[in-house]
Protein backbone atom coordinates (compact mmCIF):
# COMPACT_ATOMS: atom_id res chain seq x y z
CA UNK A 1 17.50 26.46 31.48
CA UNK A 2 17.51 25.98 27.98
CA UNK A 3 20.94 26.62 27.99
CA UNK A 4 21.11 23.65 30.67
CA UNK A 5 18.86 22.02 28.95
CA UNK A 6 20.93 21.28 25.30
CA UNK A 7 24.43 20.96 27.68
CA UNK A 8 22.69 17.76 29.17
CA UNK A 9 21.91 16.41 25.73
CA UNK A 10 24.82 16.78 24.22
CA UNK A 11 26.30 14.95 26.73
CA UNK A 12 24.90 12.42 25.29
CA UNK A 13 25.72 12.71 22.42
CA UNK A 14 29.69 12.73 22.52
CA UNK A 15 29.95 9.08 24.27
CA UNK A 16 33.29 8.04 23.07
CA UNK A 17 35.03 12.06 23.83
CA UNK A 18 32.64 12.70 27.43
CA UNK A 19 33.97 9.29 28.38
CA UNK A 20 37.94 9.82 27.63
CA UNK A 21 37.76 13.31 29.54
CA UNK A 22 36.60 11.25 32.66
CA UNK A 23 38.73 9.09 32.68
CA UNK A 24 41.32 11.72 32.26
CA UNK A 25 39.66 14.15 34.98
CA UNK A 26 39.33 10.66 37.95
CA UNK A 27 42.45 10.08 37.23
CA UNK A 28 43.54 14.26 38.10
CA UNK A 29 41.24 14.66 40.91
CA UNK A 30 42.01 11.39 42.53
CA UNK A 31 45.72 11.88 42.73
CA UNK A 32 44.81 15.98 43.67
CA UNK A 33 42.88 14.42 46.36
CA UNK A 34 45.45 12.04 47.87
CA UNK A 35 47.91 15.28 47.38
CA UNK A 36 45.67 17.84 49.65
CA UNK A 37 44.43 15.03 52.06
CA UNK A 38 48.72 14.01 52.68
CA UNK A 39 49.88 17.97 53.09
CA UNK A 40 46.10 18.84 54.74
CA UNK A 41 47.87 15.78 57.69
CA UNK A 42 50.62 16.79 57.52
CA UNK A 43 50.14 20.71 58.05
CA UNK A 44 47.88 19.87 61.09
CA UNK A 45 50.65 17.50 62.78
CA UNK A 46 52.93 20.71 61.60
CA UNK A 47 50.88 23.14 63.11
CA UNK A 48 49.54 20.55 66.69
CA UNK A 49 53.50 20.16 66.98
CA UNK A 50 54.09 23.36 66.80
CA UNK A 51 51.96 24.28 69.31
CA UNK A 52 52.82 21.66 72.17
CA UNK A 53 56.45 22.62 71.63
CA UNK A 54 55.51 26.30 72.73
CA UNK A 55 54.29 25.07 76.18
CA UNK A 56 56.98 22.83 76.81
CA UNK A 57 60.03 24.15 78.46
CA UNK A 58 63.21 23.02 79.94
CA UNK A 59 65.94 24.77 82.55
CA UNK A 60 70.15 24.08 82.07
CA UNK A 61 72.92 25.88 84.20
CA UNK A 62 74.74 28.55 81.48
CA UNK A 63 77.45 27.53 78.97
CA UNK A 64 80.39 30.29 80.73
CA UNK A 65 83.80 30.60 78.06
CA UNK A 66 87.07 29.72 80.27
CA UNK A 67 88.30 33.02 80.93
CA UNK A 68 91.46 34.20 78.74
CA UNK A 69 93.57 36.11 79.56
CA UNK A 70 92.83 40.26 78.02
CA UNK A 71 89.06 39.67 79.23
CA UNK A 72 89.34 40.89 82.63
CA UNK A 73 88.12 38.29 84.17
CA UNK A 74 84.48 38.54 82.33
CA UNK A 75 83.01 35.91 81.09
CA UNK A 76 80.90 35.35 77.82
CA UNK A 77 77.65 33.76 78.00
CA UNK A 78 77.89 31.15 75.68
CA UNK A 79 74.11 29.64 75.96
CA UNK A 80 71.86 28.01 73.11
CA UNK A 81 68.51 27.52 73.03
CA UNK A 82 68.56 24.78 71.64
CA UNK A 83 70.95 22.82 73.52
CA UNK A 84 70.21 19.21 75.01
CA UNK A 85 71.69 18.58 77.86
CA UNK A 86 69.25 20.04 80.58
CA UNK A 87 72.42 20.71 83.39
CA UNK A 88 75.78 20.65 82.03
CA UNK A 89 77.80 22.84 84.49
CA UNK A 90 80.70 21.66 82.04
CA UNK A 91 83.19 24.47 81.78
CA UNK A 92 81.92 26.87 84.99
CA UNK A 93 82.27 25.35 88.99
CA UNK A 94 80.68 28.48 90.59
CA UNK A 95 77.70 28.13 89.09
CA UNK A 96 74.90 27.06 91.94
CA UNK A 97 73.35 23.34 92.40
CA UNK A 98 69.94 22.57 92.51
CA UNK A 99 68.69 19.17 94.26
CA UNK A 100 65.98 17.10 92.61
CA UNK A 101 63.31 18.28 94.85
CA UNK A 102 64.00 22.03 93.90
CA UNK A 103 63.03 20.43 90.15
CA UNK A 104 59.77 19.28 91.84
CA UNK A 105 59.14 22.12 93.07
CA UNK A 106 59.25 24.35 90.37
CA UNK A 107 56.28 21.49 88.40
CA UNK A 108 54.27 22.66 91.54
CA UNK A 109 52.63 25.24 89.64
CA UNK A 110 49.44 25.93 88.77
CA UNK A 111 50.74 26.96 85.17
CA UNK A 112 51.63 23.48 84.26
CA UNK A 113 49.72 21.45 82.18
CA UNK A 114 52.22 18.36 83.75
CA UNK A 115 56.17 18.04 83.99
CA UNK A 116 58.36 15.04 83.66
CA UNK A 117 61.46 14.90 86.07
CA UNK A 118 64.08 12.03 86.07
CA UNK A 119 67.32 11.72 87.42
CA UNK A 120 70.48 11.36 85.89
CA UNK A 121 73.76 11.34 86.84
CA UNK A 122 74.75 12.60 90.44
CA UNK A 123 71.18 11.88 91.59
CA UNK A 124 69.64 13.84 94.47
CA UNK A 125 71.84 16.74 93.05
CA UNK A 126 70.09 19.44 89.46
CA UNK A 127 73.55 17.70 87.29
CA UNK A 128 71.97 15.92 85.55
CA UNK A 129 68.02 16.11 85.50
CA UNK A 130 66.08 16.16 82.95
CA UNK A 131 63.25 17.81 83.95
CA UNK A 132 60.43 18.79 80.76
CA UNK A 133 57.33 21.66 82.03
CA UNK A 134 54.48 21.76 80.08
CA UNK A 135 52.73 24.81 80.31
CA UNK A 136 48.73 25.12 79.91
CA UNK A 137 49.80 27.41 77.22
CA UNK A 138 52.42 28.85 75.41
CA UNK A 139 52.05 32.31 76.92
CA UNK A 140 52.50 31.22 79.77
CA UNK A 141 56.02 31.27 79.87
CA UNK A 142 57.24 34.44 81.90
CA UNK A 143 54.30 33.45 84.35
CA UNK A 144 56.32 30.71 84.76
CA UNK A 145 59.63 31.48 84.91
CA UNK A 146 58.82 34.33 87.11
CA UNK A 147 57.54 31.70 90.14
CA UNK A 148 60.46 29.65 89.91
CA UNK A 149 62.32 32.27 90.64
CA UNK A 150 60.53 33.34 93.59
CA UNK A 151 61.12 29.65 94.22
CA UNK A 152 64.58 29.48 94.00
CA UNK A 153 66.04 29.10 90.70
CA UNK A 154 69.18 30.65 90.16
CA UNK A 155 69.86 34.31 87.74
CA UNK A 156 72.79 31.47 86.01
CA UNK A 157 70.21 29.38 85.27
CA UNK A 158 67.98 29.44 82.09
CA UNK A 159 64.91 29.04 80.62
CA UNK A 160 64.69 27.21 77.32
CA UNK A 161 62.79 26.11 74.34
CA UNK A 162 64.35 22.86 72.40
CA UNK A 163 64.52 24.02 69.37
CA UNK A 164 66.75 21.24 68.32
CA UNK A 165 64.57 18.62 69.51
CA UNK A 166 61.70 20.23 67.44
CA UNK A 167 63.15 20.30 64.46
CA UNK A 168 64.66 17.26 64.30
CA UNK A 169 60.95 15.63 65.15
CA UNK A 170 59.26 17.30 62.12
CA UNK A 171 61.88 16.93 60.00
CA UNK A 172 60.56 13.98 58.55
CA UNK A 173 56.89 15.02 58.32
CA UNK A 174 58.12 18.58 56.21
CA UNK A 175 59.58 16.25 53.09
CA UNK A 176 56.89 14.38 53.29
CA UNK A 177 54.39 17.77 53.29
CA UNK A 178 56.76 18.75 50.68
CA UNK A 179 56.90 15.92 48.19
CA UNK A 180 52.73 16.23 48.47
CA UNK A 181 52.77 20.21 47.06
CA UNK A 182 55.32 19.16 44.51
CA UNK A 183 53.05 16.17 44.39
CA UNK A 184 49.93 17.90 44.43
CA UNK A 185 51.95 21.01 41.40
CA UNK A 186 53.09 18.18 38.37
CA UNK A 187 49.41 16.07 39.06
CA UNK A 188 47.56 19.28 38.20
CA UNK A 189 49.98 21.28 36.13
CA UNK A 190 49.98 18.00 33.57
CA UNK A 191 46.33 17.74 34.31
CA UNK A 192 45.11 21.19 33.12
CA UNK A 193 47.38 20.91 30.40
CA UNK A 194 45.92 17.60 29.18
CA UNK A 195 42.19 18.52 29.83
CA UNK A 196 43.39 21.99 27.62
CA UNK A 197 43.79 20.11 24.83
CA UNK A 198 41.16 16.79 25.10
CA UNK A 199 38.99 20.40 25.35
CA UNK A 200 40.48 22.17 21.80
CA UNK A 201 39.91 19.04 19.91
CA UNK A 202 36.42 18.42 21.36
CA UNK A 203 35.56 22.27 20.49
CA UNK A 204 37.07 21.65 16.96
CA UNK A 205 34.72 18.40 16.57
CA UNK A 206 31.86 20.20 17.31
CA UNK A 207 32.62 23.63 15.05
CA UNK A 208 30.17 23.77 12.72
CA UNK A 209 27.15 22.88 15.21
CA UNK A 210 28.34 26.00 17.14
CA UNK A 211 28.26 27.80 13.61
CA UNK A 212 25.02 26.28 13.37
CA UNK A 213 23.70 27.61 16.59
CA UNK A 214 25.31 31.09 16.03
CA UNK A 215 23.90 31.37 12.55
CA UNK A 216 20.72 30.91 14.62
CA UNK A 217 21.22 33.82 16.60
CA UNK A 218 21.98 32.37 19.62
CA UNK A 219 24.91 34.26 21.47
CA UNK A 220 28.52 33.54 22.14
CA UNK A 221 28.39 33.83 26.09
CA UNK A 222 25.12 31.77 25.73
CA UNK A 223 27.87 29.26 23.76
CA UNK A 224 29.88 29.52 26.33
CA UNK A 225 27.66 29.15 29.48
CA UNK A 226 26.52 25.69 26.84
CA UNK A 227 29.88 24.21 26.74
CA UNK A 228 30.87 25.87 30.80
CA UNK A 229 27.61 24.15 31.97
CA UNK A 230 28.89 20.34 30.37
CA UNK A 231 31.94 20.01 31.74
CA UNK A 232 31.02 21.78 34.32
CA UNK A 233 29.24 18.45 34.60
CA UNK A 234 30.76 16.08 33.78
CA UNK A 235 33.66 17.38 36.19
CA UNK A 236 30.80 16.65 38.95
CA UNK A 237 30.51 13.09 38.59
CA UNK A 238 34.19 12.55 37.73
CA UNK A 239 34.73 14.00 41.32
CA UNK A 240 32.86 12.07 43.15
CA UNK A 241 34.22 8.82 41.53
CA UNK A 242 37.49 10.37 42.57
CA UNK A 243 37.43 11.24 46.04
CA UNK A 244 35.96 8.30 46.89
CA UNK A 245 39.01 6.25 44.71
CA UNK A 246 40.78 9.14 46.71
CA UNK A 247 39.83 8.45 50.04
CA UNK A 248 40.72 4.78 49.56
CA UNK A 249 44.73 5.35 48.53
CA UNK A 250 45.36 8.03 50.37
CA UNK A 251 46.50 6.22 53.61
CA UNK A 252 48.21 3.36 51.63
CA UNK A 253 50.30 5.55 49.65
CA UNK A 254 50.85 7.70 52.53
CA UNK A 255 52.06 4.84 54.04
CA UNK A 256 53.74 4.16 51.38
CA UNK A 257 56.02 7.83 51.03
CA UNK A 258 56.61 7.58 54.75
CA UNK A 259 58.27 4.24 54.16
CA UNK A 260 58.05 2.36 58.04
CA UNK A 261 59.44 5.24 59.62
CA UNK A 262 55.77 5.59 60.79
CA UNK A 263 52.04 6.48 60.52
CA UNK A 264 50.51 9.75 59.79
CA UNK A 265 46.66 8.93 59.94
CA UNK A 266 44.60 10.71 57.17
CA UNK A 267 41.26 12.48 57.63
CA UNK A 268 38.90 13.24 55.13
CA UNK A 269 37.57 16.91 56.11
CA UNK A 270 34.79 18.99 54.30
CA UNK A 271 37.99 21.07 53.64
CA UNK A 272 40.12 19.04 51.62
CA UNK A 273 36.86 17.80 50.03
CA UNK A 274 36.21 21.61 49.04
CA UNK A 275 39.70 22.29 48.31
CA UNK A 276 39.32 19.35 45.81
CA UNK A 277 35.66 20.88 44.20
CA UNK A 278 37.28 23.56 43.72
CA UNK A 279 40.41 22.70 42.48
CA UNK A 280 37.98 20.54 39.67
CA UNK A 281 35.67 23.35 39.04
CA UNK A 282 38.88 25.41 38.10
CA UNK A 283 40.78 23.18 35.89
CA UNK A 284 36.86 22.72 34.39
CA UNK A 285 36.97 26.73 34.20
CA UNK A 286 40.25 26.92 32.82
CA UNK A 287 39.81 24.06 29.83
CA UNK A 288 36.37 25.16 28.50
CA UNK A 289 36.95 28.82 28.60
CA UNK A 290 40.62 28.02 26.40
CA UNK A 291 38.33 26.19 24.45
CA UNK A 292 35.80 28.64 23.73
CA UNK A 293 38.04 31.56 23.36
CA UNK A 294 39.61 29.31 20.15
CA UNK A 295 35.58 29.60 18.65
CA UNK A 296 33.75 32.90 19.87
CA UNK A 297 35.90 35.07 17.44
CA UNK A 298 35.01 33.17 14.69
CA UNK A 299 31.89 34.85 13.08
CA UNK A 300 29.30 32.09 11.61
CA UNK A 301 29.27 32.21 8.06
CA UNK A 302 32.88 31.79 8.57
CA UNK A 303 33.08 28.14 10.25
CA UNK A 304 29.40 27.00 8.24
CA UNK A 305 31.61 27.42 5.03
CA UNK A 306 35.26 25.74 6.71
CA UNK A 307 33.25 22.69 7.82
CA UNK A 308 35.30 20.42 7.95
């Protein structure tokens, strides 16, 4: 209890230095909060989009390579899961066609949460029909495909997930997440460096005070704990201010980084707050550990003799 009281009293005795440290901490925590909030928001969107993508399937006929001499009449399957054309029969004249009624029949399934079916060129036939089926759960795909086969889906038609469309949709969000990660790393590195530097300077100024405490019989561990409590107290206050400022700045910064291409709604949950508090405590502990290690290696008599 004495250690805590002594630490809190020291905060008022060194206002100038503590104010400087507080300003740096508020700037670092505010920047870190913005970076973490943007990262978490974009990560949530990516994870949800992945779930939605896994539940979204399409069907199309397999593309076949033209038969060439020397192949013995065999045809090569050149289908790709990321194709954009849902029902193209280009390059093959013997693929069984589907009517639009077939697509509606496939959509009438207990495995689906919904479906979009849009007739294109060749209305009334499978050619040109764009159909997207939304599964209730991604793991229902095998059951849904088996059901479609029973309803008449030909063997030369495939069921696939449009990976290319998924990548195109998420590319900007993943880019924003990378920017947020880079920004956060830079902030933490510079923040930690500045905190360590200020702590080392502060310890040098308080060398005589520490020497007196050591001469009075206070153990190194108690002195280290006292310095750590001081740093954590300042950090906690700065964390509150920094998080409030971060909440105000996160959405505008996200909109600026998005550059008019869209909007990511920034939500502030308990996870973000805990992450920031963890970052703040780690920074404070790191700065305190470095500064304490520089002073506790000296004997009290040496500190008092070298008062300057």
